[in-house]
Amino acid sequence: MLLPELVSAQLLSQEPPVSALEGIRRLAGYETRFVELMQSLATRHGLTLIAGSHPVAEGSKIYNVACVCLPTGEVVRQPKLHITPSERKYWGISGGHTLSAIDTPKCRIGVLICYDVEFPEASRYLADDGAEILFVPFCTDSRQAYLRVRYCAQARAIENQVYVALAGTVGNLPSVGNLDVNYGQAAVLTPSDFAFARDGIAAEADSNEETVLICDVDLNALQGARDGGSVTPRLDRRTDLFRVVSHLPADFVPNGPGDGPLGGQPGES
C-alpha cells in the first residue's frame, strides 16, 4: 500500500497559521507518533505500507523521508535525494544520501519520492539492485508538475522494465504555505509491451479525486518481458559505453544481495 508524499501535512490544518519554514518544523514534531501509527497499521493488517513521506528533523537539518513499514514491524527509511527549488526555498529541506532496494514478502521494491523519479540514474540503480516495483509518493501543485512526475515515471518503467506505482496529494490547505494547492492522480504504470496493457497503464484513478486505487500486477509477466519481450532494454544496455556511478557513503550497509550494484567496488555500480 502506497500513501502520498507529505501525507501527514493535513495535521497542519489544526495548527495556527505560521510561515512555511515554521510549519514544516512543527510537522516534523509529529514524527514519532506518525511512524508508530503507520508501523502498527502494517503489522495489524499484515501488509507492506509505504507510508508516503514525513519531514524528519536531524539537528539543524530537515529531511523528507519515506518510511516503508513491513508486516514484521521493521521500518526502513528512504530519504528524498533530489530537492526541488521550492522545497529548499520555503522549507529548507536537505537531500538525503542513501538509496537501497528493500526486500518485502512479495518482491524487492524501491522508493523514489516525487522529484527523485525525474532522475533516471536513481531508478536504474534500484533496478540493478533487483527492484521490480518502484513506488513514487508525490505532492504536486498543478497538472504541469504532476505530468512531469507521471511522464518520467512511465519512462522509468519502460527503460528498466519495472512497475511504477504513483500516489499523490489532492485537495487544498489554504492556511499552509507551499501546500495550499494540490493536484494528483494515482496510477500504476508498466513497461509498454504486449505482456501488459497496451497503453502502459495497469490502472489509474480519476484525476484530483480522493480515491483508493487497487491494482494487481503480474511479476511473472515482468520477468518474461525482461527475458524476451518485444524490446529488452535491460539486456541490450551498452555497458561498454555507459555505466551508473554512485557515491554513497563508505560506511553505508546495503539492503540487497552481495552480487548487486551495492556489492561492487566502493562508489561504483
Protein backbone atom coordinates (compact mmCIF):
# COMPACT_ATOMS: atom_id res chain seq x y z
CA MET A 1 0.00 0.00 0.00
CA LEU A 2 1.33 3.39 -1.04
CA LEU A 3 0.41 6.76 0.50
CA PRO A 4 1.28 10.21 -0.92
CA GLU A 5 4.31 12.36 -0.22
CA LEU A 6 3.78 14.57 2.86
CA VAL A 7 0.58 12.67 3.58
CA SER A 8 0.73 13.99 7.15
CA ALA A 9 0.60 17.64 6.06
CA GLN A 10 -3.11 17.93 6.84
CA LEU A 11 -2.16 17.86 10.54
CA LEU A 12 -1.14 21.48 9.99
CA SER A 13 -4.78 22.39 9.41
CA GLN A 14 -5.14 22.04 13.21
CA GLU A 15 -2.26 24.45 13.86
CA PRO A 16 -2.46 28.27 13.79
CA PRO A 17 -1.17 29.83 10.54
CA VAL A 18 2.62 30.11 10.55
CA SER A 19 5.39 30.54 7.99
CA ALA A 20 6.18 27.62 5.68
CA LEU A 21 9.50 27.02 7.46
CA GLU A 22 7.91 27.00 10.91
CA GLY A 23 5.09 24.81 9.64
CA ILE A 24 7.39 22.10 8.34
CA ARG A 25 9.28 22.07 11.66
CA ARG A 26 6.02 21.71 13.56
CA LEU A 27 5.06 18.84 11.28
CA ALA A 28 8.42 17.17 11.95
CA GLY A 29 7.45 17.18 15.63
CA TYR A 30 4.81 14.55 14.88
CA GLU A 31 7.42 12.09 13.57
CA THR A 32 7.36 9.58 16.44
CA ARG A 33 3.56 9.32 16.57
CA PHE A 34 3.30 9.22 12.77
CA VAL A 35 5.79 6.35 12.40
CA GLU A 36 4.26 4.40 15.28
CA LEU A 37 0.81 4.70 13.72
CA MET A 38 1.99 3.53 10.29
CA GLN A 39 4.04 0.71 11.80
CA SER A 40 1.03 -0.52 13.79
CA LEU A 41 -1.21 -0.45 10.71
CA ALA A 42 1.29 -2.51 8.71
CA THR A 43 1.63 -5.19 11.39
CA ARG A 44 -2.09 -5.27 12.23
CA HIS A 45 -3.12 -5.80 8.61
CA GLY A 46 -0.12 -7.88 7.52
CA LEU A 47 0.93 -5.64 4.65
CA THR A 48 3.85 -3.57 3.44
CA LEU A 49 2.92 0.08 3.87
CA ILE A 50 4.93 2.73 2.04
CA ALA A 51 3.76 5.50 4.34
CA GLY A 52 4.13 8.38 1.93
CA SER A 53 6.68 10.75 3.44
CA HIS A 54 7.04 12.91 6.52
CA PRO A 55 9.56 15.63 7.43
CA VAL A 56 12.30 14.49 9.81
CA ALA A 57 14.45 16.93 11.80
CA GLU A 58 18.06 15.96 12.45
CA GLY A 59 19.84 18.76 14.23
CA SER A 60 19.55 21.91 12.15
CA LYS A 61 18.55 19.99 9.01
CA ILE A 62 15.20 18.69 7.83
CA TYR A 63 14.83 15.72 5.50
CA ASN A 64 11.81 14.46 3.57
CA VAL A 65 11.66 10.76 4.48
CA ALA A 66 9.53 7.83 3.35
CA CYS A 67 9.01 5.07 5.92
CA VAL A 68 8.49 1.60 4.50
CA CYS A 69 6.67 -0.33 7.23
CA LEU A 70 6.94 -4.09 6.81
CA PRO A 71 4.42 -6.59 8.26
CA THR A 72 7.17 -7.86 10.59
CA GLY A 73 7.26 -4.48 12.33
CA GLU A 74 10.53 -3.44 10.71
CA VAL A 75 10.69 0.14 9.40
CA VAL A 76 13.05 1.05 6.56
CA ARG A 77 13.63 4.75 5.93
CA GLN A 78 14.26 6.18 2.47
CA PRO A 79 15.07 9.92 2.31
CA LYS A 80 14.29 12.05 -0.68
CA LEU A 81 17.55 12.61 -2.58
CA HIS A 82 16.72 15.40 -5.01
CA ILE A 83 15.19 18.54 -3.53
CA THR A 84 13.11 20.93 -5.62
CA PRO A 85 13.82 24.67 -5.60
CA SER A 86 10.57 25.36 -3.69
CA GLU A 87 11.41 22.77 -1.01
CA ARG A 88 14.77 24.42 -0.44
CA LYS A 89 13.35 27.96 -0.53
CA TYR A 90 10.26 27.58 1.65
CA TRP A 91 11.07 24.61 3.90
CA GLY A 92 14.87 24.42 3.98
CA ILE A 93 14.75 20.71 3.09
CA SER A 94 18.09 18.91 2.63
CA GLY A 95 18.66 15.95 0.32
CA GLY A 96 19.44 12.51 1.74
CA HIS A 97 22.44 10.38 0.86
CA THR A 98 21.26 6.75 0.88
CA LEU A 99 19.36 4.67 -1.66
CA SER A 100 18.63 0.96 -1.49
CA ALA A 101 16.23 -1.69 -2.69
CA ILE A 102 14.04 -3.14 0.05
CA ASP A 103 13.02 -6.78 0.46
CA THR A 104 9.32 -7.29 1.18
CA PRO A 105 7.34 -10.54 1.49
CA LYS A 106 6.15 -10.17 -2.13
CA CYS A 107 9.16 -8.82 -4.01
CA ARG A 108 12.03 -6.38 -3.89
CA ILE A 109 10.96 -2.75 -4.19
CA GLY A 110 12.41 0.74 -4.36
CA VAL A 111 11.05 4.10 -3.23
CA LEU A 112 11.65 7.36 -5.09
CA ILE A 113 9.96 10.41 -3.61
CA CYS A 114 8.39 12.65 -6.26
CA TYR A 115 11.26 14.65 -7.85
CA ASP A 116 13.59 11.64 -7.46
CA VAL A 117 11.83 9.81 -10.31
CA GLU A 118 12.81 12.62 -12.69
CA PHE A 119 16.45 11.50 -12.45
CA PRO A 120 16.95 8.25 -14.43
CA GLU A 121 20.13 7.17 -12.65
CA ALA A 122 18.27 6.66 -9.34
CA SER A 123 15.75 4.28 -10.93
CA ARG A 124 18.45 2.45 -12.84
CA TYR A 125 20.38 1.99 -9.61
CA LEU A 126 17.39 0.42 -7.86
CA ALA A 127 16.51 -1.78 -10.85
CA ASP A 128 20.09 -3.03 -10.99
CA ASP A 129 19.76 -3.91 -7.31
CA GLY A 130 16.76 -6.11 -8.09
CA ALA A 131 13.78 -3.83 -7.57
CA GLU A 132 10.72 -5.00 -9.53
CA ILE A 133 8.31 -2.28 -8.39
CA LEU A 134 9.19 1.37 -7.82
CA PHE A 135 6.86 3.28 -5.50
CA VAL A 136 6.63 7.04 -6.05
CA PRO A 137 4.79 9.08 -3.41
CA PHE A 138 4.40 12.61 -4.75
CA CYS A 139 2.99 16.04 -3.93
CA THR A 140 2.41 18.40 -6.85
CA ASP A 141 0.52 21.66 -7.09
CA SER A 142 -0.51 21.73 -10.76
CA ARG A 143 -1.22 19.45 -13.69
CA GLN A 144 2.06 20.50 -15.32
CA ALA A 145 4.03 19.49 -12.24
CA TYR A 146 2.10 16.23 -11.96
CA LEU A 147 2.74 15.36 -15.60
CA ARG A 148 6.47 15.83 -15.15
CA VAL A 149 6.36 13.16 -12.47
CA ARG A 150 3.96 10.98 -14.47
CA TYR A 151 5.86 11.05 -17.76
CA CYS A 152 9.19 10.41 -16.06
CA ALA A 153 7.68 7.52 -14.11
CA GLN A 154 6.42 5.98 -17.36
CA ALA A 155 9.87 6.34 -18.89
CA ARG A 156 11.46 4.67 -15.84
CA ALA A 157 9.02 1.74 -16.19
CA ILE A 158 9.95 1.25 -19.85
CA GLU A 159 13.70 1.67 -19.65
CA ASN A 160 14.11 -0.50 -16.54
CA GLN A 161 11.27 -2.95 -17.24
CA VAL A 162 9.67 -2.46 -13.83
CA TYR A 163 6.27 -1.48 -12.50
CA VAL A 164 5.93 2.04 -11.12
CA ALA A 165 3.15 2.99 -8.69
CA LEU A 166 2.25 6.64 -8.05
CA ALA A 167 0.18 8.20 -5.25
CA GLY A 168 -0.19 11.93 -4.65
CA THR A 169 -1.98 14.50 -2.55
CA VAL A 170 -5.22 16.14 -3.66
CA GLY A 171 -7.28 18.99 -2.19
CA ASN A 172 -6.33 22.30 -0.58
CA LEU A 173 -4.75 23.51 2.66
CA PRO A 174 -5.44 27.25 2.40
CA SER A 175 -3.57 28.27 5.57
CA VAL A 176 -0.42 26.21 4.91
CA GLY A 177 2.31 27.91 2.89
CA ASN A 178 3.63 25.99 -0.14
CA LEU A 179 0.98 23.29 0.40
CA ASP A 180 -2.15 25.33 -0.22
CA VAL A 181 -2.96 23.78 -3.63
CA ASN A 182 -2.51 20.12 -4.61
CA TYR A 183 -3.10 18.19 -7.83
CA GLY A 184 -2.72 14.45 -8.19
CA GLN A 185 -3.78 11.24 -9.93
CA ALA A 186 -2.81 7.81 -8.66
CA ALA A 187 -1.62 5.29 -11.25
CA VAL A 188 0.24 2.02 -11.74
CA LEU A 189 2.44 2.07 -14.84
CA THR A 190 4.02 -0.80 -16.77
CA PRO A 191 6.60 -1.36 -19.48
CA SER A 192 4.99 -0.72 -22.85
CA ASP A 193 4.92 -4.25 -24.27
CA PHE A 194 2.46 -6.99 -25.22
CA ALA A 195 2.50 -8.62 -21.75
CA PHE A 196 0.85 -5.51 -20.30
CA ALA A 197 -1.96 -3.08 -21.00
CA ARG A 198 -1.48 -1.59 -24.46
CA ASP A 199 -1.19 1.98 -23.16
CA GLY A 200 1.32 1.01 -20.44
CA ILE A 201 -1.20 1.81 -17.68
CA ALA A 202 -2.22 -1.07 -15.41
CA ALA A 203 -4.66 1.16 -13.52
CA GLU A 204 -5.31 4.83 -12.79
CA ALA A 205 -7.67 6.83 -10.62
CA ASP A 206 -9.71 9.85 -11.61
CA SER A 207 -7.62 13.00 -11.56
CA ASN A 208 -7.75 15.19 -8.48
CA GLU A 209 -10.23 12.95 -6.64
CA GLU A 210 -9.65 11.42 -3.22
CA THR A 211 -9.52 7.77 -4.25
CA VAL A 212 -8.18 4.38 -3.22
CA LEU A 213 -6.77 2.67 -6.31
CA ILE A 214 -6.45 -1.12 -6.19
CA CYS A 215 -4.39 -2.98 -8.79
CA ASP A 216 -2.90 -6.46 -9.29
CA VAL A 217 0.45 -6.80 -11.04
CA ASP A 218 1.98 -9.94 -12.54
CA LEU A 219 5.65 -10.39 -11.64
CA ASN A 220 5.93 -13.41 -13.95
CA ALA A 221 4.87 -11.25 -16.89
CA LEU A 222 7.51 -8.75 -15.88
CA GLN A 223 10.21 -11.41 -15.89
CA GLY A 224 9.01 -12.74 -19.22
CA ALA A 225 9.26 -9.30 -20.77
CA ARG A 226 12.77 -8.88 -19.38
CA ASP A 227 13.89 -12.20 -20.85
CA GLY A 228 12.18 -11.98 -24.24
CA GLY A 229 9.91 -9.01 -24.78
CA SER A 230 9.49 -7.03 -27.97
CA VAL A 231 12.43 -4.98 -26.72
CA THR A 232 14.78 -5.90 -23.89
CA PRO A 233 16.40 -2.70 -22.63
CA ARG A 234 17.80 -4.44 -19.57
CA LEU A 235 19.68 -6.92 -21.75
CA ASP A 236 20.62 -4.52 -24.55
CA ARG A 237 22.38 -1.89 -22.48
CA ARG A 238 25.77 -0.80 -23.80
CA THR A 239 27.77 -1.24 -20.61
CA ASP A 240 30.91 -0.94 -22.71
CA LEU A 241 29.89 2.69 -23.33
CA PHE A 242 27.87 3.74 -20.28
CA ARG A 243 27.66 2.89 -16.59
CA VAL A 244 26.00 4.29 -13.48
CA VAL A 245 28.48 5.58 -10.92
CA SER A 246 27.29 6.19 -7.37
CA HIS A 247 28.93 7.95 -4.46
CA LEU A 248 27.15 6.56 -1.42
CA PRO A 249 28.89 6.93 1.96
CA ALA A 250 31.70 4.44 2.51
CA ASP A 251 30.05 3.09 5.68
CA PHE A 252 26.65 2.55 4.03
CA VAL A 253 25.39 -1.02 4.51
CA PRO A 254 23.25 -2.14 1.54
CA ASN A 255 19.92 -3.88 1.96
CA GLY A 256 20.48 -6.06 -1.09
CA PRO A 257 22.32 -9.07 -2.48
CA GLY A 258 26.10 -9.27 -2.46
CA ASP A 259 26.22 -9.50 -6.23
CA GLY A 260 24.06 -6.40 -6.74
CA PRO A 261 25.42 -2.96 -7.59
CA LEU A 262 25.93 -2.10 -3.94
CA GLY A 263 28.16 -5.14 -3.53
CA GLY A 264 30.76 -3.99 -6.09
CA GLN A 265 33.69 -1.69 -5.64
CA PRO A 266 33.02 1.29 -3.34
CA GLY A 267 31.46 4.15 -5.24
CA GLU A 268 30.59 2.15 -8.35
CA SER A 269 27.55 0.33 -9.65
